[in-house]
Amino acid sequence: MKWAVLLLVCVYVALADALYFYLEGSEKKCFLEELPKETMVVGTFEAEQWHEQSNSWVRDPNLKIQVTVEELPQNNIVVDRKISAKGKFTFTSAESGDHNICLSTISNSWFDSSRTKITFDMDFDDPAGDSHNHRETLGELASKIHELNERVQDIRREQFSQREREAEFRDQSELTNSRVVWWTVLQLIVLGVVCVWQMRHFKNFFVAKKLV
């Protein structure tokens, strides 16, 4: 339960960091990010276009998004890709400084009046500073999972042992009940034999005394 709550909190934080913006036609939207050296950036996005007939945002599988990343002030192009309406891009900063990240729709029309909604999120990771922490976190998670597996195995063994004890107790109870029933039947048979014997004995006694 604890790990489930932690996972939900992480998902909530991830969703809270995402943003969305609108593009008119082939408009370009850029973000300026100052990045340390050797920082890995993972950008994810999903593009939806406004559909007049359904009055809703719809993802067009034919829509392409132009993604460009440029190092400033050297103007070095780091990323220059055409990606589908839902995708991601990854790059690692070679030097510390500003990076211009731009997204735009690709249109073949001169007068494109489409309206596009882009949900955009970026994740930053410093391999030099966080790899050790990541390994420690993964090690702790693996240890917790191993401990939980051992506890589950102990619970299963205890349940199996309890079922065996219940089966043994049930068999013993059935055997005891069976013995009680046979003992009662035997007592009734002995009592019946004694009664018959006494009646025959008294009958012979009264005949011998000529009382009958």
N, C-alpha and C. Protein backbone atom coordinates (compact mmCIF):
# COMPACT_ATOMS: atom_id res chain seq x y z
N MET A 1 0.84 -1.20 0.00
CA MET A 1 0.00 0.00 0.00
C MET A 1 0.87 1.25 0.00
N LYS A 2 1.97 1.21 0.74
CA LYS A 2 2.87 2.36 0.82
C LYS A 2 3.47 2.67 -0.53
N TRP A 3 3.91 1.61 -1.26
CA TRP A 3 4.52 1.83 -2.57
C TRP A 3 3.48 2.30 -3.58
N ALA A 4 2.22 1.82 -3.44
CA ALA A 4 1.17 2.27 -4.36
C ALA A 4 0.91 3.76 -4.19
N VAL A 5 0.88 4.25 -2.92
CA VAL A 5 0.67 5.68 -2.67
C VAL A 5 1.83 6.49 -3.21
N LEU A 6 3.07 5.96 -3.02
CA LEU A 6 4.25 6.66 -3.55
C LEU A 6 4.20 6.76 -5.06
N LEU A 7 3.77 5.65 -5.71
CA LEU A 7 3.66 5.67 -7.17
C LEU A 7 2.64 6.70 -7.64
N LEU A 8 1.48 6.77 -6.95
CA LEU A 8 0.46 7.74 -7.33
C LEU A 8 0.96 9.16 -7.16
N VAL A 9 1.74 9.42 -6.09
CA VAL A 9 2.29 10.76 -5.87
C VAL A 9 3.25 11.12 -6.99
N CYS A 10 4.09 10.15 -7.40
CA CYS A 10 5.03 10.42 -8.49
C CYS A 10 4.30 10.72 -9.79
N VAL A 11 3.24 9.95 -10.07
CA VAL A 11 2.45 10.19 -11.28
C VAL A 11 1.80 11.56 -11.23
N TYR A 12 1.29 11.93 -10.05
CA TYR A 12 0.66 13.24 -9.93
C TYR A 12 1.67 14.36 -10.17
N VAL A 13 2.88 14.21 -9.62
CA VAL A 13 3.90 15.24 -9.82
C VAL A 13 4.28 15.32 -11.28
N ALA A 14 4.41 14.16 -11.94
CA ALA A 14 4.77 14.15 -13.36
C ALA A 14 3.72 14.85 -14.20
N LEU A 15 2.46 14.59 -13.89
CA LEU A 15 1.38 15.23 -14.64
C LEU A 15 1.32 16.72 -14.35
N ALA A 16 1.64 17.08 -13.11
CA ALA A 16 1.58 18.49 -12.75
C ALA A 16 2.64 19.29 -13.47
N ASP A 17 3.80 18.66 -13.85
CA ASP A 17 4.87 19.38 -14.52
C ASP A 17 4.58 19.59 -16.00
N ALA A 18 3.66 18.85 -16.60
CA ALA A 18 3.37 18.97 -18.02
C ALA A 18 2.61 20.28 -18.27
N LEU A 19 2.79 20.83 -19.49
CA LEU A 19 2.08 22.04 -19.88
C LEU A 19 1.50 21.84 -21.27
N TYR A 20 0.59 22.70 -21.64
CA TYR A 20 0.04 22.64 -22.99
C TYR A 20 -0.07 24.06 -23.55
N PHE A 21 -0.01 24.14 -24.87
CA PHE A 21 -0.10 25.42 -25.55
C PHE A 21 -0.75 25.20 -26.91
N TYR A 22 -1.10 26.30 -27.58
CA TYR A 22 -1.83 26.22 -28.83
C TYR A 22 -1.00 26.83 -29.97
N LEU A 23 -1.11 26.22 -31.13
CA LEU A 23 -0.45 26.72 -32.33
C LEU A 23 -1.50 27.01 -33.39
N GLU A 24 -1.38 28.16 -34.01
CA GLU A 24 -2.28 28.54 -35.10
C GLU A 24 -1.57 28.28 -36.43
N GLY A 25 -2.11 27.35 -37.23
CA GLY A 25 -1.49 27.03 -38.51
C GLY A 25 -0.12 26.40 -38.31
N SER A 26 0.88 26.94 -38.99
CA SER A 26 2.25 26.43 -38.88
C SER A 26 3.09 27.27 -37.92
N GLU A 27 2.45 27.89 -36.96
CA GLU A 27 3.15 28.71 -35.98
C GLU A 27 4.18 27.88 -35.20
N LYS A 28 5.28 28.53 -34.80
CA LYS A 28 6.34 27.86 -34.05
C LYS A 28 6.35 28.39 -32.61
N LYS A 29 6.50 27.46 -31.67
CA LYS A 29 6.58 27.83 -30.26
C LYS A 29 7.93 27.37 -29.73
N CYS A 30 8.65 28.28 -29.06
CA CYS A 30 10.00 27.97 -28.57
C CYS A 30 10.09 28.18 -27.06
N PHE A 31 10.97 27.40 -26.44
CA PHE A 31 11.25 27.50 -25.02
C PHE A 31 12.75 27.63 -24.82
N LEU A 32 13.14 28.54 -23.96
CA LEU A 32 14.56 28.75 -23.68
C LEU A 32 14.89 28.10 -22.34
N GLU A 33 15.79 27.12 -22.37
CA GLU A 33 16.17 26.39 -21.18
C GLU A 33 17.66 26.51 -20.96
N GLU A 34 18.04 26.87 -19.74
CA GLU A 34 19.46 26.90 -19.36
C GLU A 34 19.82 25.55 -18.76
N LEU A 35 20.76 24.87 -19.40
CA LEU A 35 21.09 23.50 -19.01
C LEU A 35 22.54 23.40 -18.59
N PRO A 36 22.83 22.61 -17.54
CA PRO A 36 24.22 22.33 -17.20
C PRO A 36 24.84 21.41 -18.24
N LYS A 37 26.12 21.28 -18.19
CA LYS A 37 26.84 20.41 -19.11
C LYS A 37 26.49 18.95 -18.87
N GLU A 38 26.38 18.18 -19.96
CA GLU A 38 26.09 16.74 -19.93
C GLU A 38 24.77 16.44 -19.21
N THR A 39 23.78 17.26 -19.48
CA THR A 39 22.44 17.02 -18.94
C THR A 39 21.57 16.38 -20.02
N MET A 40 21.00 15.23 -19.71
CA MET A 40 20.14 14.56 -20.66
C MET A 40 18.72 15.10 -20.54
N VAL A 41 18.12 15.44 -21.65
CA VAL A 41 16.76 15.98 -21.69
C VAL A 41 15.89 15.04 -22.52
N VAL A 42 14.77 14.66 -21.95
CA VAL A 42 13.79 13.82 -22.65
C VAL A 42 12.50 14.62 -22.76
N GLY A 43 12.15 14.98 -23.99
CA GLY A 43 10.91 15.72 -24.22
C GLY A 43 9.83 14.82 -24.79
N THR A 44 8.65 14.90 -24.23
CA THR A 44 7.50 14.13 -24.72
C THR A 44 6.37 15.10 -25.03
N PHE A 45 5.62 14.78 -26.06
CA PHE A 45 4.52 15.67 -26.45
C PHE A 45 3.42 14.85 -27.13
N GLU A 46 2.25 15.47 -27.16
CA GLU A 46 1.10 14.91 -27.86
C GLU A 46 0.35 16.07 -28.50
N ALA A 47 0.15 15.98 -29.81
CA ALA A 47 -0.50 17.05 -30.57
C ALA A 47 -1.91 16.63 -30.97
N GLU A 48 -2.87 17.53 -30.75
CA GLU A 48 -4.28 17.29 -31.13
C GLU A 48 -4.78 18.52 -31.88
N GLN A 49 -5.58 18.28 -32.90
CA GLN A 49 -6.13 19.37 -33.69
C GLN A 49 -7.63 19.49 -33.44
N TRP A 50 -8.11 20.72 -33.53
CA TRP A 50 -9.53 20.99 -33.28
C TRP A 50 -10.36 20.50 -34.46
N HIS A 51 -11.37 19.69 -34.14
CA HIS A 51 -12.25 19.12 -35.15
C HIS A 51 -13.61 19.78 -35.04
N GLU A 52 -13.98 20.52 -36.08
CA GLU A 52 -15.22 21.30 -36.01
C GLU A 52 -16.45 20.40 -35.95
N GLN A 53 -16.44 19.30 -36.67
CA GLN A 53 -17.64 18.45 -36.73
C GLN A 53 -17.94 17.81 -35.38
N SER A 54 -16.90 17.31 -34.72
CA SER A 54 -17.13 16.67 -33.41
C SER A 54 -16.99 17.65 -32.26
N ASN A 55 -16.56 18.89 -32.57
CA ASN A 55 -16.40 19.93 -31.56
C ASN A 55 -15.49 19.44 -30.42
N SER A 56 -14.36 18.88 -30.80
CA SER A 56 -13.43 18.33 -29.80
C SER A 56 -12.02 18.28 -30.39
N TRP A 57 -11.06 18.05 -29.50
CA TRP A 57 -9.67 17.90 -29.93
C TRP A 57 -9.43 16.45 -30.35
N VAL A 58 -8.89 16.28 -31.55
CA VAL A 58 -8.70 14.95 -32.12
C VAL A 58 -7.25 14.81 -32.56
N ARG A 59 -6.65 13.64 -32.30
CA ARG A 59 -5.28 13.41 -32.74
C ARG A 59 -5.28 12.87 -34.16
N ASP A 60 -4.61 13.60 -35.05
CA ASP A 60 -4.52 13.21 -36.46
C ASP A 60 -3.26 12.37 -36.66
N PRO A 61 -3.42 11.11 -37.09
CA PRO A 61 -2.23 10.26 -37.27
C PRO A 61 -1.30 10.74 -38.37
N ASN A 62 -1.81 11.57 -39.28
CA ASN A 62 -0.98 12.09 -40.38
C ASN A 62 -0.24 13.37 -40.00
N LEU A 63 -0.55 13.92 -38.84
CA LEU A 63 0.07 15.18 -38.43
C LEU A 63 1.53 14.94 -38.03
N LYS A 64 2.42 15.82 -38.47
CA LYS A 64 3.83 15.76 -38.12
C LYS A 64 4.23 17.03 -37.37
N ILE A 65 5.11 16.85 -36.39
CA ILE A 65 5.60 17.96 -35.59
C ILE A 65 7.10 18.12 -35.85
N GLN A 66 7.48 19.35 -36.18
CA GLN A 66 8.90 19.67 -36.37
C GLN A 66 9.49 20.06 -35.02
N VAL A 67 10.52 19.33 -34.61
CA VAL A 67 11.19 19.59 -33.34
C VAL A 67 12.63 20.00 -33.64
N THR A 68 13.03 21.16 -33.14
CA THR A 68 14.40 21.62 -33.30
C THR A 68 14.94 22.08 -31.94
N VAL A 69 16.19 21.74 -31.69
CA VAL A 69 16.88 22.17 -30.47
C VAL A 69 18.19 22.81 -30.91
N GLU A 70 18.43 24.02 -30.41
CA GLU A 70 19.59 24.79 -30.84
C GLU A 70 20.37 25.28 -29.63
N GLU A 71 21.68 25.07 -29.65
CA GLU A 71 22.55 25.58 -28.59
C GLU A 71 22.87 27.05 -28.85
N LEU A 72 22.73 27.85 -27.79
CA LEU A 72 23.02 29.28 -27.89
C LEU A 72 24.22 29.60 -27.01
N PRO A 73 25.06 30.55 -27.42
CA PRO A 73 24.94 31.38 -28.64
C PRO A 73 25.65 30.80 -29.85
N GLN A 74 26.12 29.53 -29.75
CA GLN A 74 26.87 28.95 -30.88
C GLN A 74 25.97 28.64 -32.07
N ASN A 75 24.63 28.58 -31.84
CA ASN A 75 23.66 28.24 -32.88
C ASN A 75 23.90 26.86 -33.47
N ASN A 76 24.37 25.95 -32.62
CA ASN A 76 24.55 24.57 -33.05
C ASN A 76 23.21 23.83 -32.99
N ILE A 77 22.83 23.17 -34.08
CA ILE A 77 21.59 22.41 -34.12
C ILE A 77 21.84 21.04 -33.47
N VAL A 78 21.15 20.79 -32.38
CA VAL A 78 21.29 19.53 -31.65
C VAL A 78 20.25 18.52 -32.12
N VAL A 79 19.02 18.99 -32.31
CA VAL A 79 17.92 18.13 -32.74
C VAL A 79 17.21 18.82 -33.89
N ASP A 80 16.94 18.08 -34.94
CA ASP A 80 16.15 18.58 -36.08
C ASP A 80 15.39 17.39 -36.65
N ARG A 81 14.18 17.17 -36.11
CA ARG A 81 13.44 15.96 -36.46
C ARG A 81 11.99 16.28 -36.76
N LYS A 82 11.40 15.43 -37.62
CA LYS A 82 9.96 15.44 -37.88
C LYS A 82 9.38 14.22 -37.19
N ILE A 83 8.49 14.44 -36.23
CA ILE A 83 7.98 13.37 -35.37
C ILE A 83 6.47 13.33 -35.50
N SER A 84 5.91 12.14 -35.29
CA SER A 84 4.45 11.98 -35.36
C SER A 84 3.76 12.77 -34.26
N ALA A 85 2.42 12.77 -34.30
CA ALA A 85 1.64 13.62 -33.40
C ALA A 85 1.86 13.29 -31.93
N LYS A 86 2.29 12.07 -31.65
CA LYS A 86 2.61 11.69 -30.27
C LYS A 86 3.98 11.05 -30.28
N GLY A 87 4.93 11.67 -29.62
CA GLY A 87 6.28 11.12 -29.65
C GLY A 87 7.16 11.77 -28.62
N LYS A 88 8.46 11.52 -28.75
CA LYS A 88 9.43 12.09 -27.83
C LYS A 88 10.76 12.30 -28.54
N PHE A 89 11.60 13.11 -27.94
CA PHE A 89 12.94 13.35 -28.45
C PHE A 89 13.89 13.42 -27.26
N THR A 90 15.14 13.09 -27.51
CA THR A 90 16.15 13.04 -26.46
C THR A 90 17.44 13.68 -26.96
N PHE A 91 18.08 14.44 -26.10
CA PHE A 91 19.40 14.98 -26.41
C PHE A 91 20.15 15.23 -25.12
N THR A 92 21.45 15.34 -25.24
CA THR A 92 22.32 15.62 -24.10
C THR A 92 23.13 16.88 -24.40
N SER A 93 23.10 17.81 -23.48
CA SER A 93 23.80 19.08 -23.69
C SER A 93 25.32 18.85 -23.67
N ALA A 94 25.99 19.31 -24.71
CA ALA A 94 27.45 19.18 -24.77
C ALA A 94 28.14 20.21 -23.88
N GLU A 95 27.57 21.40 -23.81
CA GLU A 95 28.12 22.47 -22.98
C GLU A 95 26.99 23.09 -22.17
N SER A 96 27.36 23.69 -21.06
CA SER A 96 26.36 24.40 -20.26
C SER A 96 25.97 25.70 -20.95
N GLY A 97 24.72 26.10 -20.80
CA GLY A 97 24.25 27.33 -21.41
C GLY A 97 22.81 27.22 -21.85
N ASP A 98 22.36 28.23 -22.59
CA ASP A 98 20.96 28.28 -23.04
C ASP A 98 20.76 27.36 -24.24
N HIS A 99 19.57 26.74 -24.24
CA HIS A 99 19.16 25.87 -25.36
C HIS A 99 17.76 26.29 -25.79
N ASN A 100 17.59 26.51 -27.07
CA ASN A 100 16.30 26.93 -27.62
C ASN A 100 15.58 25.70 -28.18
N ILE A 101 14.45 25.35 -27.57
CA ILE A 101 13.67 24.16 -27.95
C ILE A 101 12.40 24.64 -28.62
N CYS A 102 12.21 24.27 -29.89
CA CYS A 102 11.09 24.77 -30.68
C CYS A 102 10.26 23.62 -31.23
N LEU A 103 8.93 23.84 -31.27
CA LEU A 103 8.00 22.89 -31.85
C LEU A 103 7.07 23.64 -32.79
N SER A 104 6.77 23.02 -33.92
CA SER A 104 5.84 23.60 -34.89
C SER A 104 5.20 22.48 -35.68
N THR A 105 4.03 22.79 -36.25
CA THR A 105 3.34 21.81 -37.10
C THR A 105 3.86 21.91 -38.52
N ILE A 106 3.83 20.79 -39.23
CA ILE A 106 4.24 20.75 -40.62
C ILE A 106 3.00 20.74 -41.49
N SER A 107 2.87 21.74 -42.34
CA SER A 107 1.70 21.86 -43.19
C SER A 107 2.13 22.09 -44.63
N ASN A 108 1.40 21.47 -45.56
CA ASN A 108 1.66 21.66 -46.99
C ASN A 108 0.82 22.78 -47.60
N SER A 109 -0.02 23.39 -46.77
CA SER A 109 -0.92 24.43 -47.26
C SER A 109 -0.32 25.81 -46.98
N TRP A 110 -0.51 26.75 -47.93
CA TRP A 110 -0.05 28.11 -47.73
C TRP A 110 -0.89 28.84 -46.69
N PHE A 111 -2.18 28.52 -46.68
CA PHE A 111 -3.10 29.18 -45.75
C PHE A 111 -3.69 28.11 -44.83
N ASP A 112 -2.93 27.75 -43.85
CA ASP A 112 -3.34 26.72 -42.90
C ASP A 112 -4.04 27.39 -41.73
N SER A 113 -5.35 27.12 -41.58
CA SER A 113 -6.12 27.72 -40.50
C SER A 113 -6.38 26.75 -39.36
N SER A 114 -5.67 25.64 -39.35
CA SER A 114 -5.90 24.64 -38.30
C SER A 114 -5.39 25.17 -36.96
N ARG A 115 -5.98 24.62 -35.91
CA ARG A 115 -5.57 24.98 -34.55
C ARG A 115 -5.11 23.71 -33.86
N THR A 116 -3.91 23.77 -33.30
CA THR A 116 -3.29 22.58 -32.71
C THR A 116 -3.02 22.82 -31.23
N LYS A 117 -3.38 21.81 -30.44
CA LYS A 117 -3.08 21.84 -29.00
C LYS A 117 -1.97 20.83 -28.73
N ILE A 118 -0.89 21.30 -28.12
CA ILE A 118 0.26 20.43 -27.83
C ILE A 118 0.45 20.34 -26.32
N THR A 119 0.40 19.12 -25.80
CA THR A 119 0.73 18.86 -24.41
C THR A 119 2.19 18.46 -24.35
N PHE A 120 2.97 19.23 -23.62
CA PHE A 120 4.43 19.11 -23.68
C PHE A 120 5.01 18.93 -22.29
N ASP A 121 6.00 18.05 -22.19
CA ASP A 121 6.66 17.80 -20.90
C ASP A 121 8.13 17.49 -21.17
N MET A 122 8.98 17.92 -20.26
CA MET A 122 10.42 17.65 -20.37
C MET A 122 10.93 17.08 -19.05
N ASP A 123 11.80 16.10 -19.17
CA ASP A 123 12.42 15.49 -18.00
C ASP A 123 13.92 15.70 -18.11
N PHE A 124 14.52 16.19 -17.02
CA PHE A 124 15.95 16.50 -17.02
C PHE A 124 16.67 15.52 -16.11
N ASP A 125 17.80 15.03 -16.59
CA ASP A 125 18.56 14.06 -15.83
C ASP A 125 20.04 14.36 -15.98
N ASP A 126 20.73 14.46 -14.86
CA ASP A 126 22.18 14.69 -14.86
C ASP A 126 22.87 13.38 -14.58
N PRO A 127 23.40 12.69 -15.59
CA PRO A 127 24.00 11.38 -15.36
C PRO A 127 25.15 11.43 -14.37
N ALA A 128 25.95 12.51 -14.37
CA ALA A 128 27.10 12.56 -13.48
C ALA A 128 26.70 12.70 -12.02
N GLY A 129 25.57 13.37 -11.77
CA GLY A 129 25.21 13.62 -10.38
C GLY A 129 24.17 12.68 -9.83
N ASP A 130 23.35 12.05 -10.69
CA ASP A 130 22.22 11.28 -10.20
C ASP A 130 22.37 9.80 -10.39
N SER A 131 23.38 9.34 -11.14
CA SER A 131 23.47 7.90 -11.42
C SER A 131 23.66 7.11 -10.14
N HIS A 132 24.49 7.66 -9.23
CA HIS A 132 24.71 6.95 -7.98
C HIS A 132 23.43 6.88 -7.16
N ASN A 133 22.69 8.01 -7.10
CA ASN A 133 21.43 8.01 -6.37
C ASN A 133 20.42 7.06 -7.00
N HIS A 134 20.41 7.00 -8.35
CA HIS A 134 19.50 6.09 -9.02
C HIS A 134 19.84 4.64 -8.68
N ARG A 135 21.13 4.33 -8.66
CA ARG A 135 21.52 2.96 -8.31
C ARG A 135 21.12 2.63 -6.89
N GLU A 136 21.31 3.60 -5.98
CA GLU A 136 20.90 3.36 -4.60
C GLU A 136 19.40 3.16 -4.49
N THR A 137 18.64 3.98 -5.22
CA THR A 137 17.18 3.85 -5.18
C THR A 137 16.73 2.51 -5.73
N LEU A 138 17.33 2.10 -6.86
CA LEU A 138 16.98 0.80 -7.43
C LEU A 138 17.36 -0.33 -6.49
N GLY A 139 18.52 -0.18 -5.83
CA GLY A 139 18.93 -1.21 -4.87
C GLY A 139 17.95 -1.31 -3.71
N GLU A 140 17.49 -0.17 -3.19
CA GLU A 140 16.52 -0.17 -2.11
C GLU A 140 15.21 -0.80 -2.56
N LEU A 141 14.77 -0.45 -3.77
CA LEU A 141 13.53 -1.03 -4.29
C LEU A 141 13.66 -2.54 -4.46
N ALA A 142 14.81 -2.98 -4.98
CA ALA A 142 15.01 -4.43 -5.13
C ALA A 142 15.01 -5.12 -3.78
N SER A 143 15.63 -4.48 -2.78
CA SER A 143 15.64 -5.07 -1.43
C SER A 143 14.23 -5.16 -0.85
N LYS A 144 13.45 -4.09 -1.05
CA LYS A 144 12.07 -4.10 -0.55
C LYS A 144 11.25 -5.18 -1.24
N ILE A 145 11.41 -5.29 -2.57
CA ILE A 145 10.66 -6.30 -3.31
C ILE A 145 11.04 -7.70 -2.84
N HIS A 146 12.36 -7.93 -2.62
CA HIS A 146 12.81 -9.24 -2.13
C HIS A 146 12.22 -9.53 -0.75
N GLU A 147 12.19 -8.52 0.11
CA GLU A 147 11.61 -8.71 1.45
C GLU A 147 10.12 -9.02 1.37
N LEU A 148 9.41 -8.31 0.48
CA LEU A 148 7.98 -8.57 0.31
C LEU A 148 7.74 -9.98 -0.22
N ASN A 149 8.58 -10.42 -1.16
CA ASN A 149 8.44 -11.79 -1.68
C ASN A 149 8.64 -12.82 -0.58
N GLU A 150 9.63 -12.59 0.29
CA GLU A 150 9.86 -13.53 1.38
C GLU A 150 8.67 -13.56 2.33
N ARG A 151 8.09 -12.39 2.61
CA ARG A 151 6.92 -12.35 3.48
C ARG A 151 5.74 -13.09 2.85
N VAL A 152 5.56 -12.91 1.55
CA VAL A 152 4.48 -13.61 0.86
C VAL A 152 4.68 -15.12 0.94
N GLN A 153 5.93 -15.57 0.76
CA GLN A 153 6.22 -17.00 0.85
C GLN A 153 5.93 -17.52 2.26
N ASP A 154 6.30 -16.74 3.29
CA ASP A 154 6.02 -17.15 4.67
C ASP A 154 4.52 -17.26 4.91
N ILE A 155 3.77 -16.30 4.38
CA ILE A 155 2.31 -16.34 4.56
C ILE A 155 1.72 -17.55 3.86
N ARG A 156 2.23 -17.86 2.65
CA ARG A 156 1.74 -19.04 1.94
C ARG A 156 2.04 -20.32 2.69
N ARG A 157 3.28 -20.42 3.24
CA ARG A 157 3.62 -21.61 4.01
C ARG A 157 2.74 -21.74 5.25
N GLU A 158 2.49 -20.62 5.93
CA GLU A 158 1.63 -20.65 7.11
C GLU A 158 0.21 -21.07 6.75
N GLN A 159 -0.30 -20.55 5.63
CA GLN A 159 -1.65 -20.94 5.20
C GLN A 159 -1.71 -22.42 4.86
N PHE A 160 -0.68 -22.94 4.19
CA PHE A 160 -0.65 -24.36 3.85
C PHE A 160 -0.60 -25.22 5.11
N SER A 161 0.23 -24.80 6.09
CA SER A 161 0.32 -25.55 7.34
C SER A 161 -1.00 -25.51 8.10
N GLN A 162 -1.67 -24.36 8.07
CA GLN A 162 -2.96 -24.25 8.75
C GLN A 162 -4.01 -25.13 8.08
N ARG A 163 -3.99 -25.20 6.75
CA ARG A 163 -4.93 -26.09 6.06
C ARG A 163 -4.66 -27.56 6.40
N GLU A 164 -3.39 -27.92 6.53
CA GLU A 164 -3.07 -29.30 6.91
C GLU A 164 -3.56 -29.60 8.32
N ARG A 165 -3.38 -28.64 9.25
CA ARG A 165 -3.88 -28.85 10.62
C ARG A 165 -5.40 -28.95 10.65
N GLU A 166 -6.07 -28.13 9.86
CA GLU A 166 -7.53 -28.20 9.80
C GLU A 166 -7.99 -29.54 9.24
N ALA A 167 -7.31 -30.04 8.20
CA ALA A 167 -7.68 -31.34 7.64
C ALA A 167 -7.46 -32.46 8.64
N GLU A 168 -6.33 -32.40 9.37
CA GLU A 168 -6.06 -33.42 10.38
C GLU A 168 -7.08 -33.39 11.51
N PHE A 169 -7.45 -32.17 11.94
CA PHE A 169 -8.45 -32.04 13.00
C PHE A 169 -9.81 -32.54 12.53
N ARG A 170 -10.15 -32.26 11.27
CA ARG A 170 -11.43 -32.73 10.72
C ARG A 170 -11.48 -34.27 10.66
N ASP A 171 -10.37 -34.87 10.22
CA ASP A 171 -10.33 -36.34 10.16
C ASP A 171 -10.43 -36.95 11.55
N GLN A 172 -9.75 -36.33 12.53
CA GLN A 172 -9.81 -36.84 13.90
C GLN A 172 -11.22 -36.70 14.47
N SER A 173 -11.88 -35.59 14.16
CA SER A 173 -13.25 -35.39 14.65
C SER A 173 -14.20 -36.41 14.03
N GLU A 174 -14.05 -36.65 12.73
CA GLU A 174 -14.91 -37.64 12.08
C GLU A 174 -14.67 -39.04 12.64
N LEU A 175 -13.39 -39.37 12.93
CA LEU A 175 -13.10 -40.68 13.51
C LEU A 175 -13.71 -40.81 14.90
N THR A 176 -13.60 -39.75 15.70
CA THR A 176 -14.19 -39.78 17.05
C THR A 176 -15.70 -39.91 17.00
N ASN A 177 -16.34 -39.16 16.10
CA ASN A 177 -17.80 -39.26 15.97
C ASN A 177 -18.21 -40.66 15.53
N SER A 178 -17.44 -41.25 14.62
CA SER A 178 -17.75 -42.60 14.17
C SER A 178 -17.64 -43.60 15.31
N ARG A 179 -16.61 -43.46 16.13
CA ARG A 179 -16.44 -44.36 17.28
C ARG A 179 -17.57 -44.21 18.28
N VAL A 180 -18.01 -42.96 18.51
CA VAL A 180 -19.12 -42.73 19.44
C VAL A 180 -20.39 -43.41 18.93
N VAL A 181 -20.64 -43.30 17.61
CA VAL A 181 -21.84 -43.92 17.05
C VAL A 181 -21.79 -45.44 17.19
N TRP A 182 -20.67 -46.06 16.86
CA TRP A 182 -20.55 -47.51 16.98
C TRP A 182 -20.63 -47.96 18.44
N TRP A 183 -20.09 -47.18 19.36
CA TRP A 183 -20.18 -47.53 20.78
C TRP A 183 -21.62 -47.47 21.26
N THR A 184 -22.38 -46.48 20.78
CA THR A 184 -23.80 -46.39 21.15
C THR A 184 -24.58 -47.58 20.61
N VAL A 185 -24.30 -47.95 19.35
CA VAL A 185 -24.98 -49.11 18.75
C VAL A 185 -24.65 -50.39 19.51
N LEU A 186 -23.37 -50.54 19.91
CA LEU A 186 -22.97 -51.72 20.66
C LEU A 186 -23.67 -51.78 22.01
N GLN A 187 -23.78 -50.62 22.67
CA GLN A 187 -24.48 -50.60 23.95
C GLN A 187 -25.94 -51.00 23.79
N LEU A 188 -26.58 -50.52 22.71
CA LEU A 188 -27.98 -50.89 22.49
C LEU A 188 -28.13 -52.39 22.23
N ILE A 189 -27.18 -52.95 21.48
CA ILE A 189 -27.24 -54.39 21.20
C ILE A 189 -27.08 -55.19 22.50
N VAL A 190 -26.09 -54.80 23.32
CA VAL A 190 -25.88 -55.51 24.60
C VAL A 190 -27.10 -55.37 25.50
N LEU A 191 -27.67 -54.18 25.54
CA LEU A 191 -28.86 -53.96 26.36
C LEU A 191 -30.03 -54.81 25.87
N GLY A 192 -30.18 -54.92 24.55
CA GLY A 192 -31.25 -55.76 23.99
C GLY A 192 -31.04 -57.22 24.33
N VAL A 193 -29.81 -57.70 24.22
CA VAL A 193 -29.52 -59.11 24.55
C VAL A 193 -29.80 -59.39 26.01
N VAL A 194 -29.39 -58.47 26.88
CA VAL A 194 -29.64 -58.65 28.32
C VAL A 194 -31.13 -58.68 28.61
N CYS A 195 -31.90 -57.81 28.00
CA CYS A 195 -33.35 -57.79 28.22
C CYS A 195 -34.00 -59.10 27.78
N VAL A 196 -33.59 -59.60 26.59
CA VAL A 196 -34.15 -60.86 26.10
C VAL A 196 -33.79 -62.00 27.04
N TRP A 197 -32.53 -62.00 27.48
CA TRP A 197 -32.10 -63.07 28.39
C TRP A 197 -32.88 -63.03 29.69
N GLN A 198 -33.11 -61.84 30.27
CA GLN A 198 -33.85 -61.72 31.52
C GLN A 198 -35.29 -62.16 31.34
N MET A 199 -35.92 -61.80 30.23
CA MET A 199 -37.31 -62.20 30.00
C MET A 199 -37.42 -63.72 29.90
N ARG A 200 -36.51 -64.38 29.17
CA ARG A 200 -36.54 -65.84 29.07
C ARG A 200 -36.28 -66.48 30.43
N HIS A 201 -35.34 -65.88 31.20
CA HIS A 201 -35.04 -66.43 32.52
C HIS A 201 -36.25 -66.34 33.46
N PHE A 202 -36.91 -65.18 33.50
CA PHE A 202 -38.09 -65.04 34.37
C PHE A 202 -39.24 -65.94 33.91
N LYS A 203 -39.38 -66.10 32.61
CA LYS A 203 -40.44 -66.97 32.10
C LYS A 203 -40.23 -68.42 32.54
N ASN A 204 -39.01 -68.93 32.40
CA ASN A 204 -38.70 -70.29 32.84
C ASN A 204 -38.89 -70.43 34.35
N PHE A 205 -38.52 -69.38 35.10
CA PHE A 205 -38.67 -69.43 36.55
C PHE A 205 -40.13 -69.55 36.94
N PHE A 206 -40.99 -68.76 36.30
CA PHE A 206 -42.41 -68.81 36.66
C PHE A 206 -43.04 -70.12 36.21
N VAL A 207 -42.60 -70.70 35.12
CA VAL A 207 -43.11 -71.99 34.67
C VAL A 207 -42.71 -73.09 35.65
N ALA A 208 -41.47 -73.00 36.11
CA ALA A 208 -40.99 -74.02 37.04
C ALA A 208 -41.74 -73.95 38.36
N LYS A 209 -42.12 -72.79 38.78
CA LYS A 209 -42.86 -72.62 40.03
C LYS A 209 -44.36 -72.81 39.84
N LYS A 210 -44.75 -73.11 38.60
CA LYS A 210 -46.16 -73.31 38.25
C LYS A 210 -47.01 -72.10 38.62
N LEU A 211 -46.35 -70.93 38.44
CA LEU A 211 -47.12 -69.71 38.66
C LEU A 211 -47.81 -69.24 37.41
N VAL A 212 -47.44 -69.87 36.30
CA VAL A 212 -48.04 -69.49 35.03
C VAL A 212 -48.70 -70.70 34.45
